[in-house]
Amino acid sequence: MIEINEITPFMKKGWVAMNKDGNWCYYVKKPEIFDIMWVRGYGDITPAKSLSDAFDIAPADDWTKSLMEIK
């Protein structure tokens, strides 16, 4: 299992966040919390690019505070 900070230096500019279910996702634009997940805009639950499908990433302590910008 790896930490999210080990992957972010190799990523394009954008945002990463973990949903309540432990799935880490990448977003081009800053997402917002909607119910149990981060979404790209109010009510837009279109799936973002899942990082957890490719990497075994350690969960965040608090998913609501997992959002981080990649510069």
PDB file of N, CA and C in Angstrom:
ATOM      1  N   MET A   1       0.855  -1.177   0.000  1.00  0.00           N
ATOM      2  CA  MET A   1       0.000   0.000   0.000  1.00  0.00           C
ATOM      3  C   MET A   1       0.904   1.245   0.000  1.00  0.00           C
ATOM      4  N   ILE A   2       0.563   2.216  -0.833  1.00  0.00           N
ATOM      5  CA  ILE A   2       1.353   3.446  -0.920  1.00  0.00           C
ATOM      6  C   ILE A   2       0.538   4.647  -0.447  1.00  0.00           C
ATOM      7  N   GLU A   3       1.222   5.702  -0.116  1.00  0.00           N
ATOM      8  CA  GLU A   3       0.570   6.947   0.295  1.00  0.00           C
ATOM      9  C   GLU A   3       0.282   7.781  -0.952  1.00  0.00           C
ATOM     10  N   ILE A   4      -0.790   8.545  -0.940  1.00  0.00           N
ATOM     11  CA  ILE A   4      -1.171   9.380  -2.074  1.00  0.00           C
ATOM     12  C   ILE A   4      -0.054  10.360  -2.440  1.00  0.00           C
ATOM     13  N   ASN A   5       0.685  10.827  -1.461  1.00  0.00           N
ATOM     14  CA  ASN A   5       1.773  11.787  -1.719  1.00  0.00           C
ATOM     15  C   ASN A   5       2.914  11.184  -2.533  1.00  0.00           C
ATOM     16  N   GLU A   6       2.983   9.864  -2.633  1.00  0.00           N
ATOM     17  CA  GLU A   6       4.014   9.221  -3.440  1.00  0.00           C
ATOM     18  C   GLU A   6       3.659   9.259  -4.930  1.00  0.00           C
ATOM     19  N   ILE A   7       2.400   9.469  -5.255  1.00  0.00           N
ATOM     20  CA  ILE A   7       1.931   9.476  -6.636  1.00  0.00           C
ATOM     21  C   ILE A   7       1.804  10.890  -7.193  1.00  0.00           C
ATOM     22  N   THR A   8       1.380  11.833  -6.369  1.00  0.00           N
ATOM     23  CA  THR A   8       1.061  13.183  -6.851  1.00  0.00           C
ATOM     24  C   THR A   8       2.199  13.915  -7.562  1.00  0.00           C
ATOM     25  N   PRO A   9       3.473  13.702  -7.230  1.00  0.00           N
ATOM     26  CA  PRO A   9       4.517  14.417  -7.968  1.00  0.00           C
ATOM     27  C   PRO A   9       4.572  14.058  -9.456  1.00  0.00           C
ATOM     28  N   PHE A  10       3.984  12.951  -9.845  1.00  0.00           N
ATOM     29  CA  PHE A  10       4.016  12.486 -11.226  1.00  0.00           C
ATOM     30  C   PHE A  10       2.723  12.788 -11.995  1.00  0.00           C
ATOM     31  N   MET A  11       1.808  13.493 -11.356  1.00  0.00           N
ATOM     32  CA  MET A  11       0.501  13.753 -11.960  1.00  0.00           C
ATOM     33  C   MET A  11       0.414  15.140 -12.582  1.00  0.00           C
ATOM     34  N   LYS A  12      -0.537  15.283 -13.520  1.00  0.00           N
ATOM     35  CA  LYS A  12      -0.828  16.586 -14.116  1.00  0.00           C
ATOM     36  C   LYS A  12      -1.473  17.486 -13.078  1.00  0.00           C
ATOM     37  N   LYS A  13      -1.475  18.793 -13.353  1.00  0.00           N
ATOM     38  CA  LYS A  13      -2.155  19.736 -12.458  1.00  0.00           C
ATOM     39  C   LYS A  13      -3.627  19.341 -12.342  1.00  0.00           C
ATOM     40  N   GLY A  14      -4.166  19.529 -11.163  1.00  0.00           N
ATOM     41  CA  GLY A  14      -5.559  19.180 -10.909  1.00  0.00           C
ATOM     42  C   GLY A  14      -5.792  18.984  -9.425  1.00  0.00           C
ATOM     43  N   TRP A  15      -6.671  18.049  -9.110  1.00  0.00           N
ATOM     44  CA  TRP A  15      -7.059  17.783  -7.727  1.00  0.00           C
ATOM     45  C   TRP A  15      -7.203  16.291  -7.504  1.00  0.00           C
ATOM     46  N   VAL A  16      -6.909  15.822  -6.288  1.00  0.00           N
ATOM     47  CA  VAL A  16      -7.189  14.446  -5.890  1.00  0.00           C
ATOM     48  C   VAL A  16      -7.955  14.480  -4.581  1.00  0.00           C
ATOM     49  N   ALA A  17      -8.811  13.481  -4.407  1.00  0.00           N
ATOM     50  CA  ALA A  17      -9.580  13.361  -3.175  1.00  0.00           C
ATOM     51  C   ALA A  17     -10.063  11.923  -3.028  1.00  0.00           C
ATOM     52  N   MET A  18     -10.319  11.527  -1.786  1.00  0.00           N
ATOM     53  CA  MET A  18     -10.846  10.200  -1.506  1.00  0.00           C
ATOM     54  C   MET A  18     -12.323  10.314  -1.138  1.00  0.00           C
ATOM     55  N   ASN A  19     -13.144   9.444  -1.722  1.00  0.00           N
ATOM     56  CA  ASN A  19     -14.560   9.392  -1.368  1.00  0.00           C
ATOM     57  C   ASN A  19     -14.740   8.604  -0.081  1.00  0.00           C
ATOM     58  N   LYS A  20     -15.929   8.636   0.471  1.00  0.00           N
ATOM     59  CA  LYS A  20     -16.217   7.953   1.731  1.00  0.00           C
ATOM     60  C   LYS A  20     -15.934   6.452   1.640  1.00  0.00           C
ATOM     61  N   ASP A  21     -16.062   5.880   0.457  1.00  0.00           N
ATOM     62  CA  ASP A  21     -15.826   4.445   0.278  1.00  0.00           C
ATOM     63  C   ASP A  21     -14.346   4.076   0.157  1.00  0.00           C
ATOM     64  N   GLY A  22     -13.443   5.083   0.240  1.00  0.00           N
ATOM     65  CA  GLY A  22     -12.013   4.826   0.190  1.00  0.00           C
ATOM     66  C   GLY A  22     -11.419   4.901  -1.202  1.00  0.00           C
ATOM     67  N   ASN A  23     -12.210   5.251  -2.195  1.00  0.00           N
ATOM     68  CA  ASN A  23     -11.748   5.346  -3.580  1.00  0.00           C
ATOM     69  C   ASN A  23     -11.117   6.717  -3.835  1.00  0.00           C
ATOM     70  N   TRP A  24      -9.835   6.730  -4.206  1.00  0.00           N
ATOM     71  CA  TRP A  24      -9.129   7.972  -4.548  1.00  0.00           C
ATOM     72  C   TRP A  24      -9.402   8.297  -6.002  1.00  0.00           C
ATOM     73  N   CYS A  25      -9.702   9.569  -6.296  1.00  0.00           N
ATOM     74  CA  CYS A  25      -9.998  10.002  -7.660  1.00  0.00           C
ATOM     75  C   CYS A  25      -9.227  11.266  -8.015  1.00  0.00           C
ATOM     76  N   TYR A  26      -9.025  11.439  -9.321  1.00  0.00           N
ATOM     77  CA  TYR A  26      -8.376  12.624  -9.870  1.00  0.00           C
ATOM     78  C   TYR A  26      -9.428  13.491 -10.552  1.00  0.00           C
ATOM     79  N   TYR A  27      -9.313  14.801 -10.382  1.00  0.00           N
ATOM     80  CA  TYR A  27     -10.237  15.768 -10.990  1.00  0.00           C
ATOM     81  C   TYR A  27      -9.423  16.874 -11.653  1.00  0.00           C
ATOM     82  N   VAL A  28      -9.861  17.306 -12.836  1.00  0.00           N
ATOM     83  CA  VAL A  28      -9.194  18.411 -13.520  1.00  0.00           C
ATOM     84  C   VAL A  28      -9.523  19.725 -12.814  1.00  0.00           C
ATOM     85  N   LYS A  29     -10.794  19.888 -12.442  1.00  0.00           N
ATOM     86  CA  LYS A  29     -11.244  21.094 -11.736  1.00  0.00           C
ATOM     87  C   LYS A  29     -11.563  20.746 -10.292  1.00  0.00           C
ATOM     88  N   LYS A  30     -11.515  21.742  -9.423  1.00  0.00           N
ATOM     89  CA  LYS A  30     -11.759  21.530  -7.996  1.00  0.00           C
ATOM     90  C   LYS A  30     -13.171  20.974  -7.766  1.00  0.00           C
ATOM     91  N   PRO A  31     -13.268  19.802  -7.147  1.00  0.00           N
ATOM     92  CA  PRO A  31     -14.582  19.217  -6.874  1.00  0.00           C
ATOM     93  C   PRO A  31     -15.173  19.749  -5.570  1.00  0.00           C
ATOM     94  N   GLU A  32     -16.440  19.409  -5.347  1.00  0.00           N
ATOM     95  CA  GLU A  32     -17.153  19.773  -4.119  1.00  0.00           C
ATOM     96  C   GLU A  32     -17.717  18.505  -3.490  1.00  0.00           C
ATOM     97  N   ILE A  33     -17.951  18.534  -2.183  1.00  0.00           N
ATOM     98  CA  ILE A  33     -18.565  17.384  -1.514  1.00  0.00           C
ATOM     99  C   ILE A  33     -20.059  17.379  -1.803  1.00  0.00           C
ATOM    100  N   PHE A  34     -20.569  16.206  -2.177  1.00  0.00           N
ATOM    101  CA  PHE A  34     -22.004  15.997  -2.376  1.00  0.00           C
ATOM    102  C   PHE A  34     -22.339  14.644  -1.776  1.00  0.00           C
ATOM    103  N   ASP A  35     -23.001  14.636  -0.637  1.00  0.00           N
ATOM    104  CA  ASP A  35     -23.408  13.417   0.063  1.00  0.00           C
ATOM    105  C   ASP A  35     -22.181  12.643   0.548  1.00  0.00           C
ATOM    106  N   ILE A  36     -21.826  11.522  -0.091  1.00  0.00           N
ATOM    107  CA  ILE A  36     -20.707  10.687   0.369  1.00  0.00           C
ATOM    108  C   ILE A  36     -19.519  10.711  -0.584  1.00  0.00           C
ATOM    109  N   MET A  37     -19.509  11.681  -1.509  1.00  0.00           N
ATOM    110  CA  MET A  37     -18.430  11.706  -2.490  1.00  0.00           C
ATOM    111  C   MET A  37     -18.127  13.122  -2.949  1.00  0.00           C
ATOM    112  N   TRP A  38     -17.003  13.262  -3.628  1.00  0.00           N
ATOM    113  CA  TRP A  38     -16.617  14.514  -4.264  1.00  0.00           C
ATOM    114  C   TRP A  38     -17.186  14.500  -5.672  1.00  0.00           C
ATOM    115  N   VAL A  39     -17.730  15.610  -6.115  1.00  0.00           N
ATOM    116  CA  VAL A  39     -18.291  15.702  -7.464  1.00  0.00           C
ATOM    117  C   VAL A  39     -17.725  16.918  -8.173  1.00  0.00           C
ATOM    118  N   ARG A  40     -17.830  16.920  -9.499  1.00  0.00           N
ATOM    119  CA  ARG A  40     -17.240  17.987 -10.301  1.00  0.00           C
ATOM    120  C   ARG A  40     -18.076  19.257 -10.326  1.00  0.00           C
ATOM    121  N   GLY A  41     -19.256  19.226  -9.870  1.00  0.00           N
ATOM    122  CA  GLY A  41     -20.141  20.382  -9.818  1.00  0.00           C
ATOM    123  C   GLY A  41     -21.406  19.945  -9.123  1.00  0.00           C
ATOM    124  N   TYR A  42     -22.228  20.839  -8.707  1.00  0.00           N
ATOM    125  CA  TYR A  42     -23.415  20.480  -7.925  1.00  0.00           C
ATOM    126  C   TYR A  42     -24.233  19.399  -8.625  1.00  0.00           C
ATOM    127  N   GLY A  43     -24.317  18.255  -8.010  1.00  0.00           N
ATOM    128  CA  GLY A  43     -25.128  17.161  -8.524  1.00  0.00           C
ATOM    129  C   GLY A  43     -24.503  16.355  -9.648  1.00  0.00           C
ATOM    130  N   ASP A  44     -23.336  16.749 -10.157  1.00  0.00           N
ATOM    131  CA  ASP A  44     -22.687  16.021 -11.244  1.00  0.00           C
ATOM    132  C   ASP A  44     -21.899  14.864 -10.657  1.00  0.00           C
ATOM    133  N   ILE A  45     -22.458  13.676 -10.709  1.00  0.00           N
ATOM    134  CA  ILE A  45     -21.786  12.507 -10.127  1.00  0.00           C
ATOM    135  C   ILE A  45     -21.110  11.657 -11.208  1.00  0.00           C
ATOM    136  N   THR A  46     -20.816  12.265 -12.353  1.00  0.00           N
ATOM    137  CA  THR A  46     -20.077  11.573 -13.398  1.00  0.00           C
ATOM    138  C   THR A  46     -18.753  11.091 -12.806  1.00  0.00           C
ATOM    139  N   PRO A  47     -18.421   9.832 -13.001  1.00  0.00           N
ATOM    140  CA  PRO A  47     -17.189   9.324 -12.396  1.00  0.00           C
ATOM    141  C   PRO A  47     -15.944  10.096 -12.830  1.00  0.00           C
ATOM    142  N   ALA A  48     -15.086  10.378 -11.882  1.00  0.00           N
ATOM    143  CA  ALA A  48     -13.792  10.992 -12.169  1.00  0.00           C
ATOM    144  C   ALA A  48     -12.823   9.854 -12.469  1.00  0.00           C
ATOM    145  N   LYS A  49     -11.602  10.178 -12.768  1.00  0.00           N
ATOM    146  CA  LYS A  49     -10.611   9.141 -13.022  1.00  0.00           C
ATOM    147  C   LYS A  49     -10.203   8.509 -11.697  1.00  0.00           C
ATOM    148  N   SER A  50     -10.465   7.222 -11.562  1.00  0.00           N
ATOM    149  CA  SER A  50     -10.160   6.515 -10.328  1.00  0.00           C
ATOM    150  C   SER A  50      -8.689   6.142 -10.265  1.00  0.00           C
ATOM    151  N   LEU A  51      -8.024   6.593  -9.225  1.00  0.00           N
ATOM    152  CA  LEU A  51      -6.628   6.221  -9.001  1.00  0.00           C
ATOM    153  C   LEU A  51      -6.548   4.879  -8.286  1.00  0.00           C
ATOM    154  N   SER A  52      -7.584   4.560  -7.525  1.00  0.00           N
ATOM    155  CA  SER A  52      -7.599   3.325  -6.750  1.00  0.00           C
ATOM    156  C   SER A  52      -7.709   2.086  -7.633  1.00  0.00           C
ATOM    157  N   ASP A  53      -8.146   2.260  -8.883  1.00  0.00           N
ATOM    158  CA  ASP A  53      -8.187   1.126  -9.812  1.00  0.00           C
ATOM    159  C   ASP A  53      -6.786   0.718 -10.250  1.00  0.00           C
ATOM    160  N   ALA A  54      -5.866   1.670 -10.241  1.00  0.00           N
ATOM    161  CA  ALA A  54      -4.501   1.402 -10.703  1.00  0.00           C
ATOM    162  C   ALA A  54      -3.493   1.213  -9.569  1.00  0.00           C
ATOM    163  N   PHE A  55      -3.764   1.821  -8.416  1.00  0.00           N
ATOM    164  CA  PHE A  55      -2.818   1.791  -7.301  1.00  0.00           C
ATOM    165  C   PHE A  55      -3.527   1.381  -6.010  1.00  0.00           C
ATOM    166  N   ASP A  56      -2.811   0.709  -5.131  1.00  0.00           N
ATOM    167  CA  ASP A  56      -3.312   0.358  -3.806  1.00  0.00           C
ATOM    168  C   ASP A  56      -2.916   1.493  -2.861  1.00  0.00           C
ATOM    169  N   ILE A  57      -3.801   2.495  -2.720  1.00  0.00           N
ATOM    170  CA  ILE A  57      -3.496   3.724  -1.987  1.00  0.00           C
ATOM    171  C   ILE A  57      -4.082   3.658  -0.578  1.00  0.00           C
ATOM    172  N   ALA A  58      -3.272   4.034   0.387  1.00  0.00           N
ATOM    173  CA  ALA A  58      -3.715   4.059   1.784  1.00  0.00           C
ATOM    174  C   ALA A  58      -4.864   5.066   1.942  1.00  0.00           C
ATOM    175  N   PRO A  59      -5.836   4.741   2.772  1.00  0.00           N
ATOM    176  CA  PRO A  59      -6.955   5.665   2.984  1.00  0.00           C
ATOM    177  C   PRO A  59      -6.549   6.885   3.804  1.00  0.00           C
ATOM    178  N   ALA A  60      -7.281   7.961   3.601  1.00  0.00           N
ATOM    179  CA  ALA A  60      -7.086   9.174   4.403  1.00  0.00           C
ATOM    180  C   ALA A  60      -7.761   8.974   5.756  1.00  0.00           C
ATOM    181  N   ASP A  61      -7.301   9.697   6.759  1.00  0.00           N
ATOM    182  CA  ASP A  61      -7.926   9.610   8.080  1.00  0.00           C
ATOM    183  C   ASP A  61      -9.366  10.112   8.037  1.00  0.00           C
ATOM    184  N   ASP A  62      -9.611  11.174   7.278  1.00  0.00           N
ATOM    185  CA  ASP A  62     -10.935  11.777   7.166  1.00  0.00           C
ATOM    186  C   ASP A  62     -11.166  12.125   5.698  1.00  0.00           C
ATOM    187  N   TRP A  63     -12.050  11.394   5.042  1.00  0.00           N
ATOM    188  CA  TRP A  63     -12.256  11.596   3.608  1.00  0.00           C
ATOM    189  C   TRP A  63     -12.709  13.012   3.279  1.00  0.00           C
ATOM    190  N   THR A  64     -13.409  13.685   4.204  1.00  0.00           N
ATOM    191  CA  THR A  64     -13.899  15.051   3.934  1.00  0.00           C
ATOM    192  C   THR A  64     -12.771  16.072   3.923  1.00  0.00           C
ATOM    193  N   LYS A  65     -11.586  15.673   4.404  1.00  0.00           N
ATOM    194  CA  LYS A  65     -10.434  16.571   4.419  1.00  0.00           C
ATOM    195  C   LYS A  65      -9.323  16.071   3.497  1.00  0.00           C
ATOM    196  N   SER A  66      -9.667  15.150   2.603  1.00  0.00           N
ATOM    197  CA  SER A  66      -8.657  14.536   1.743  1.00  0.00           C
ATOM    198  C   SER A  66      -8.342  15.326   0.473  1.00  0.00           C
ATOM    199  N   LEU A  67      -9.142  16.316   0.135  1.00  0.00           N
ATOM    200  CA  LEU A  67      -8.936  17.087  -1.086  1.00  0.00           C
ATOM    201  C   LEU A  67      -7.590  17.793  -1.080  1.00  0.00           C
ATOM    202  N   MET A  68      -6.815  17.611  -2.166  1.00  0.00           N
ATOM    203  CA  MET A  68      -5.546  18.334  -2.276  1.00  0.00           C
ATOM    204  C   MET A  68      -5.318  18.725  -3.726  1.00  0.00           C
ATOM    205  N   GLU A  69      -4.719  19.892  -3.887  1.00  0.00           N
ATOM    206  CA  GLU A  69      -4.421  20.408  -5.214  1.00  0.00           C
ATOM    207  C   GLU A  69      -3.060  19.895  -5.661  1.00  0.00           C
ATOM    208  N   ILE A  70      -2.978  19.531  -6.939  1.00  0.00           N
ATOM    209  CA  ILE A  70      -1.721  19.110  -7.537  1.00  0.00           C
ATOM    210  C   ILE A  70      -1.251  20.255  -8.420  1.00  0.00           C
ATOM    211  N   LYS A  71      -0.098  20.797  -8.130  1.00  0.00           N
ATOM    212  CA  LYS A  71       0.422  21.946  -8.868  1.00  0.00           C
ATOM    213  C   LYS A  71       1.537  21.541  -9.796  1.00  0.00           C
TER     214      LYS A  71
END
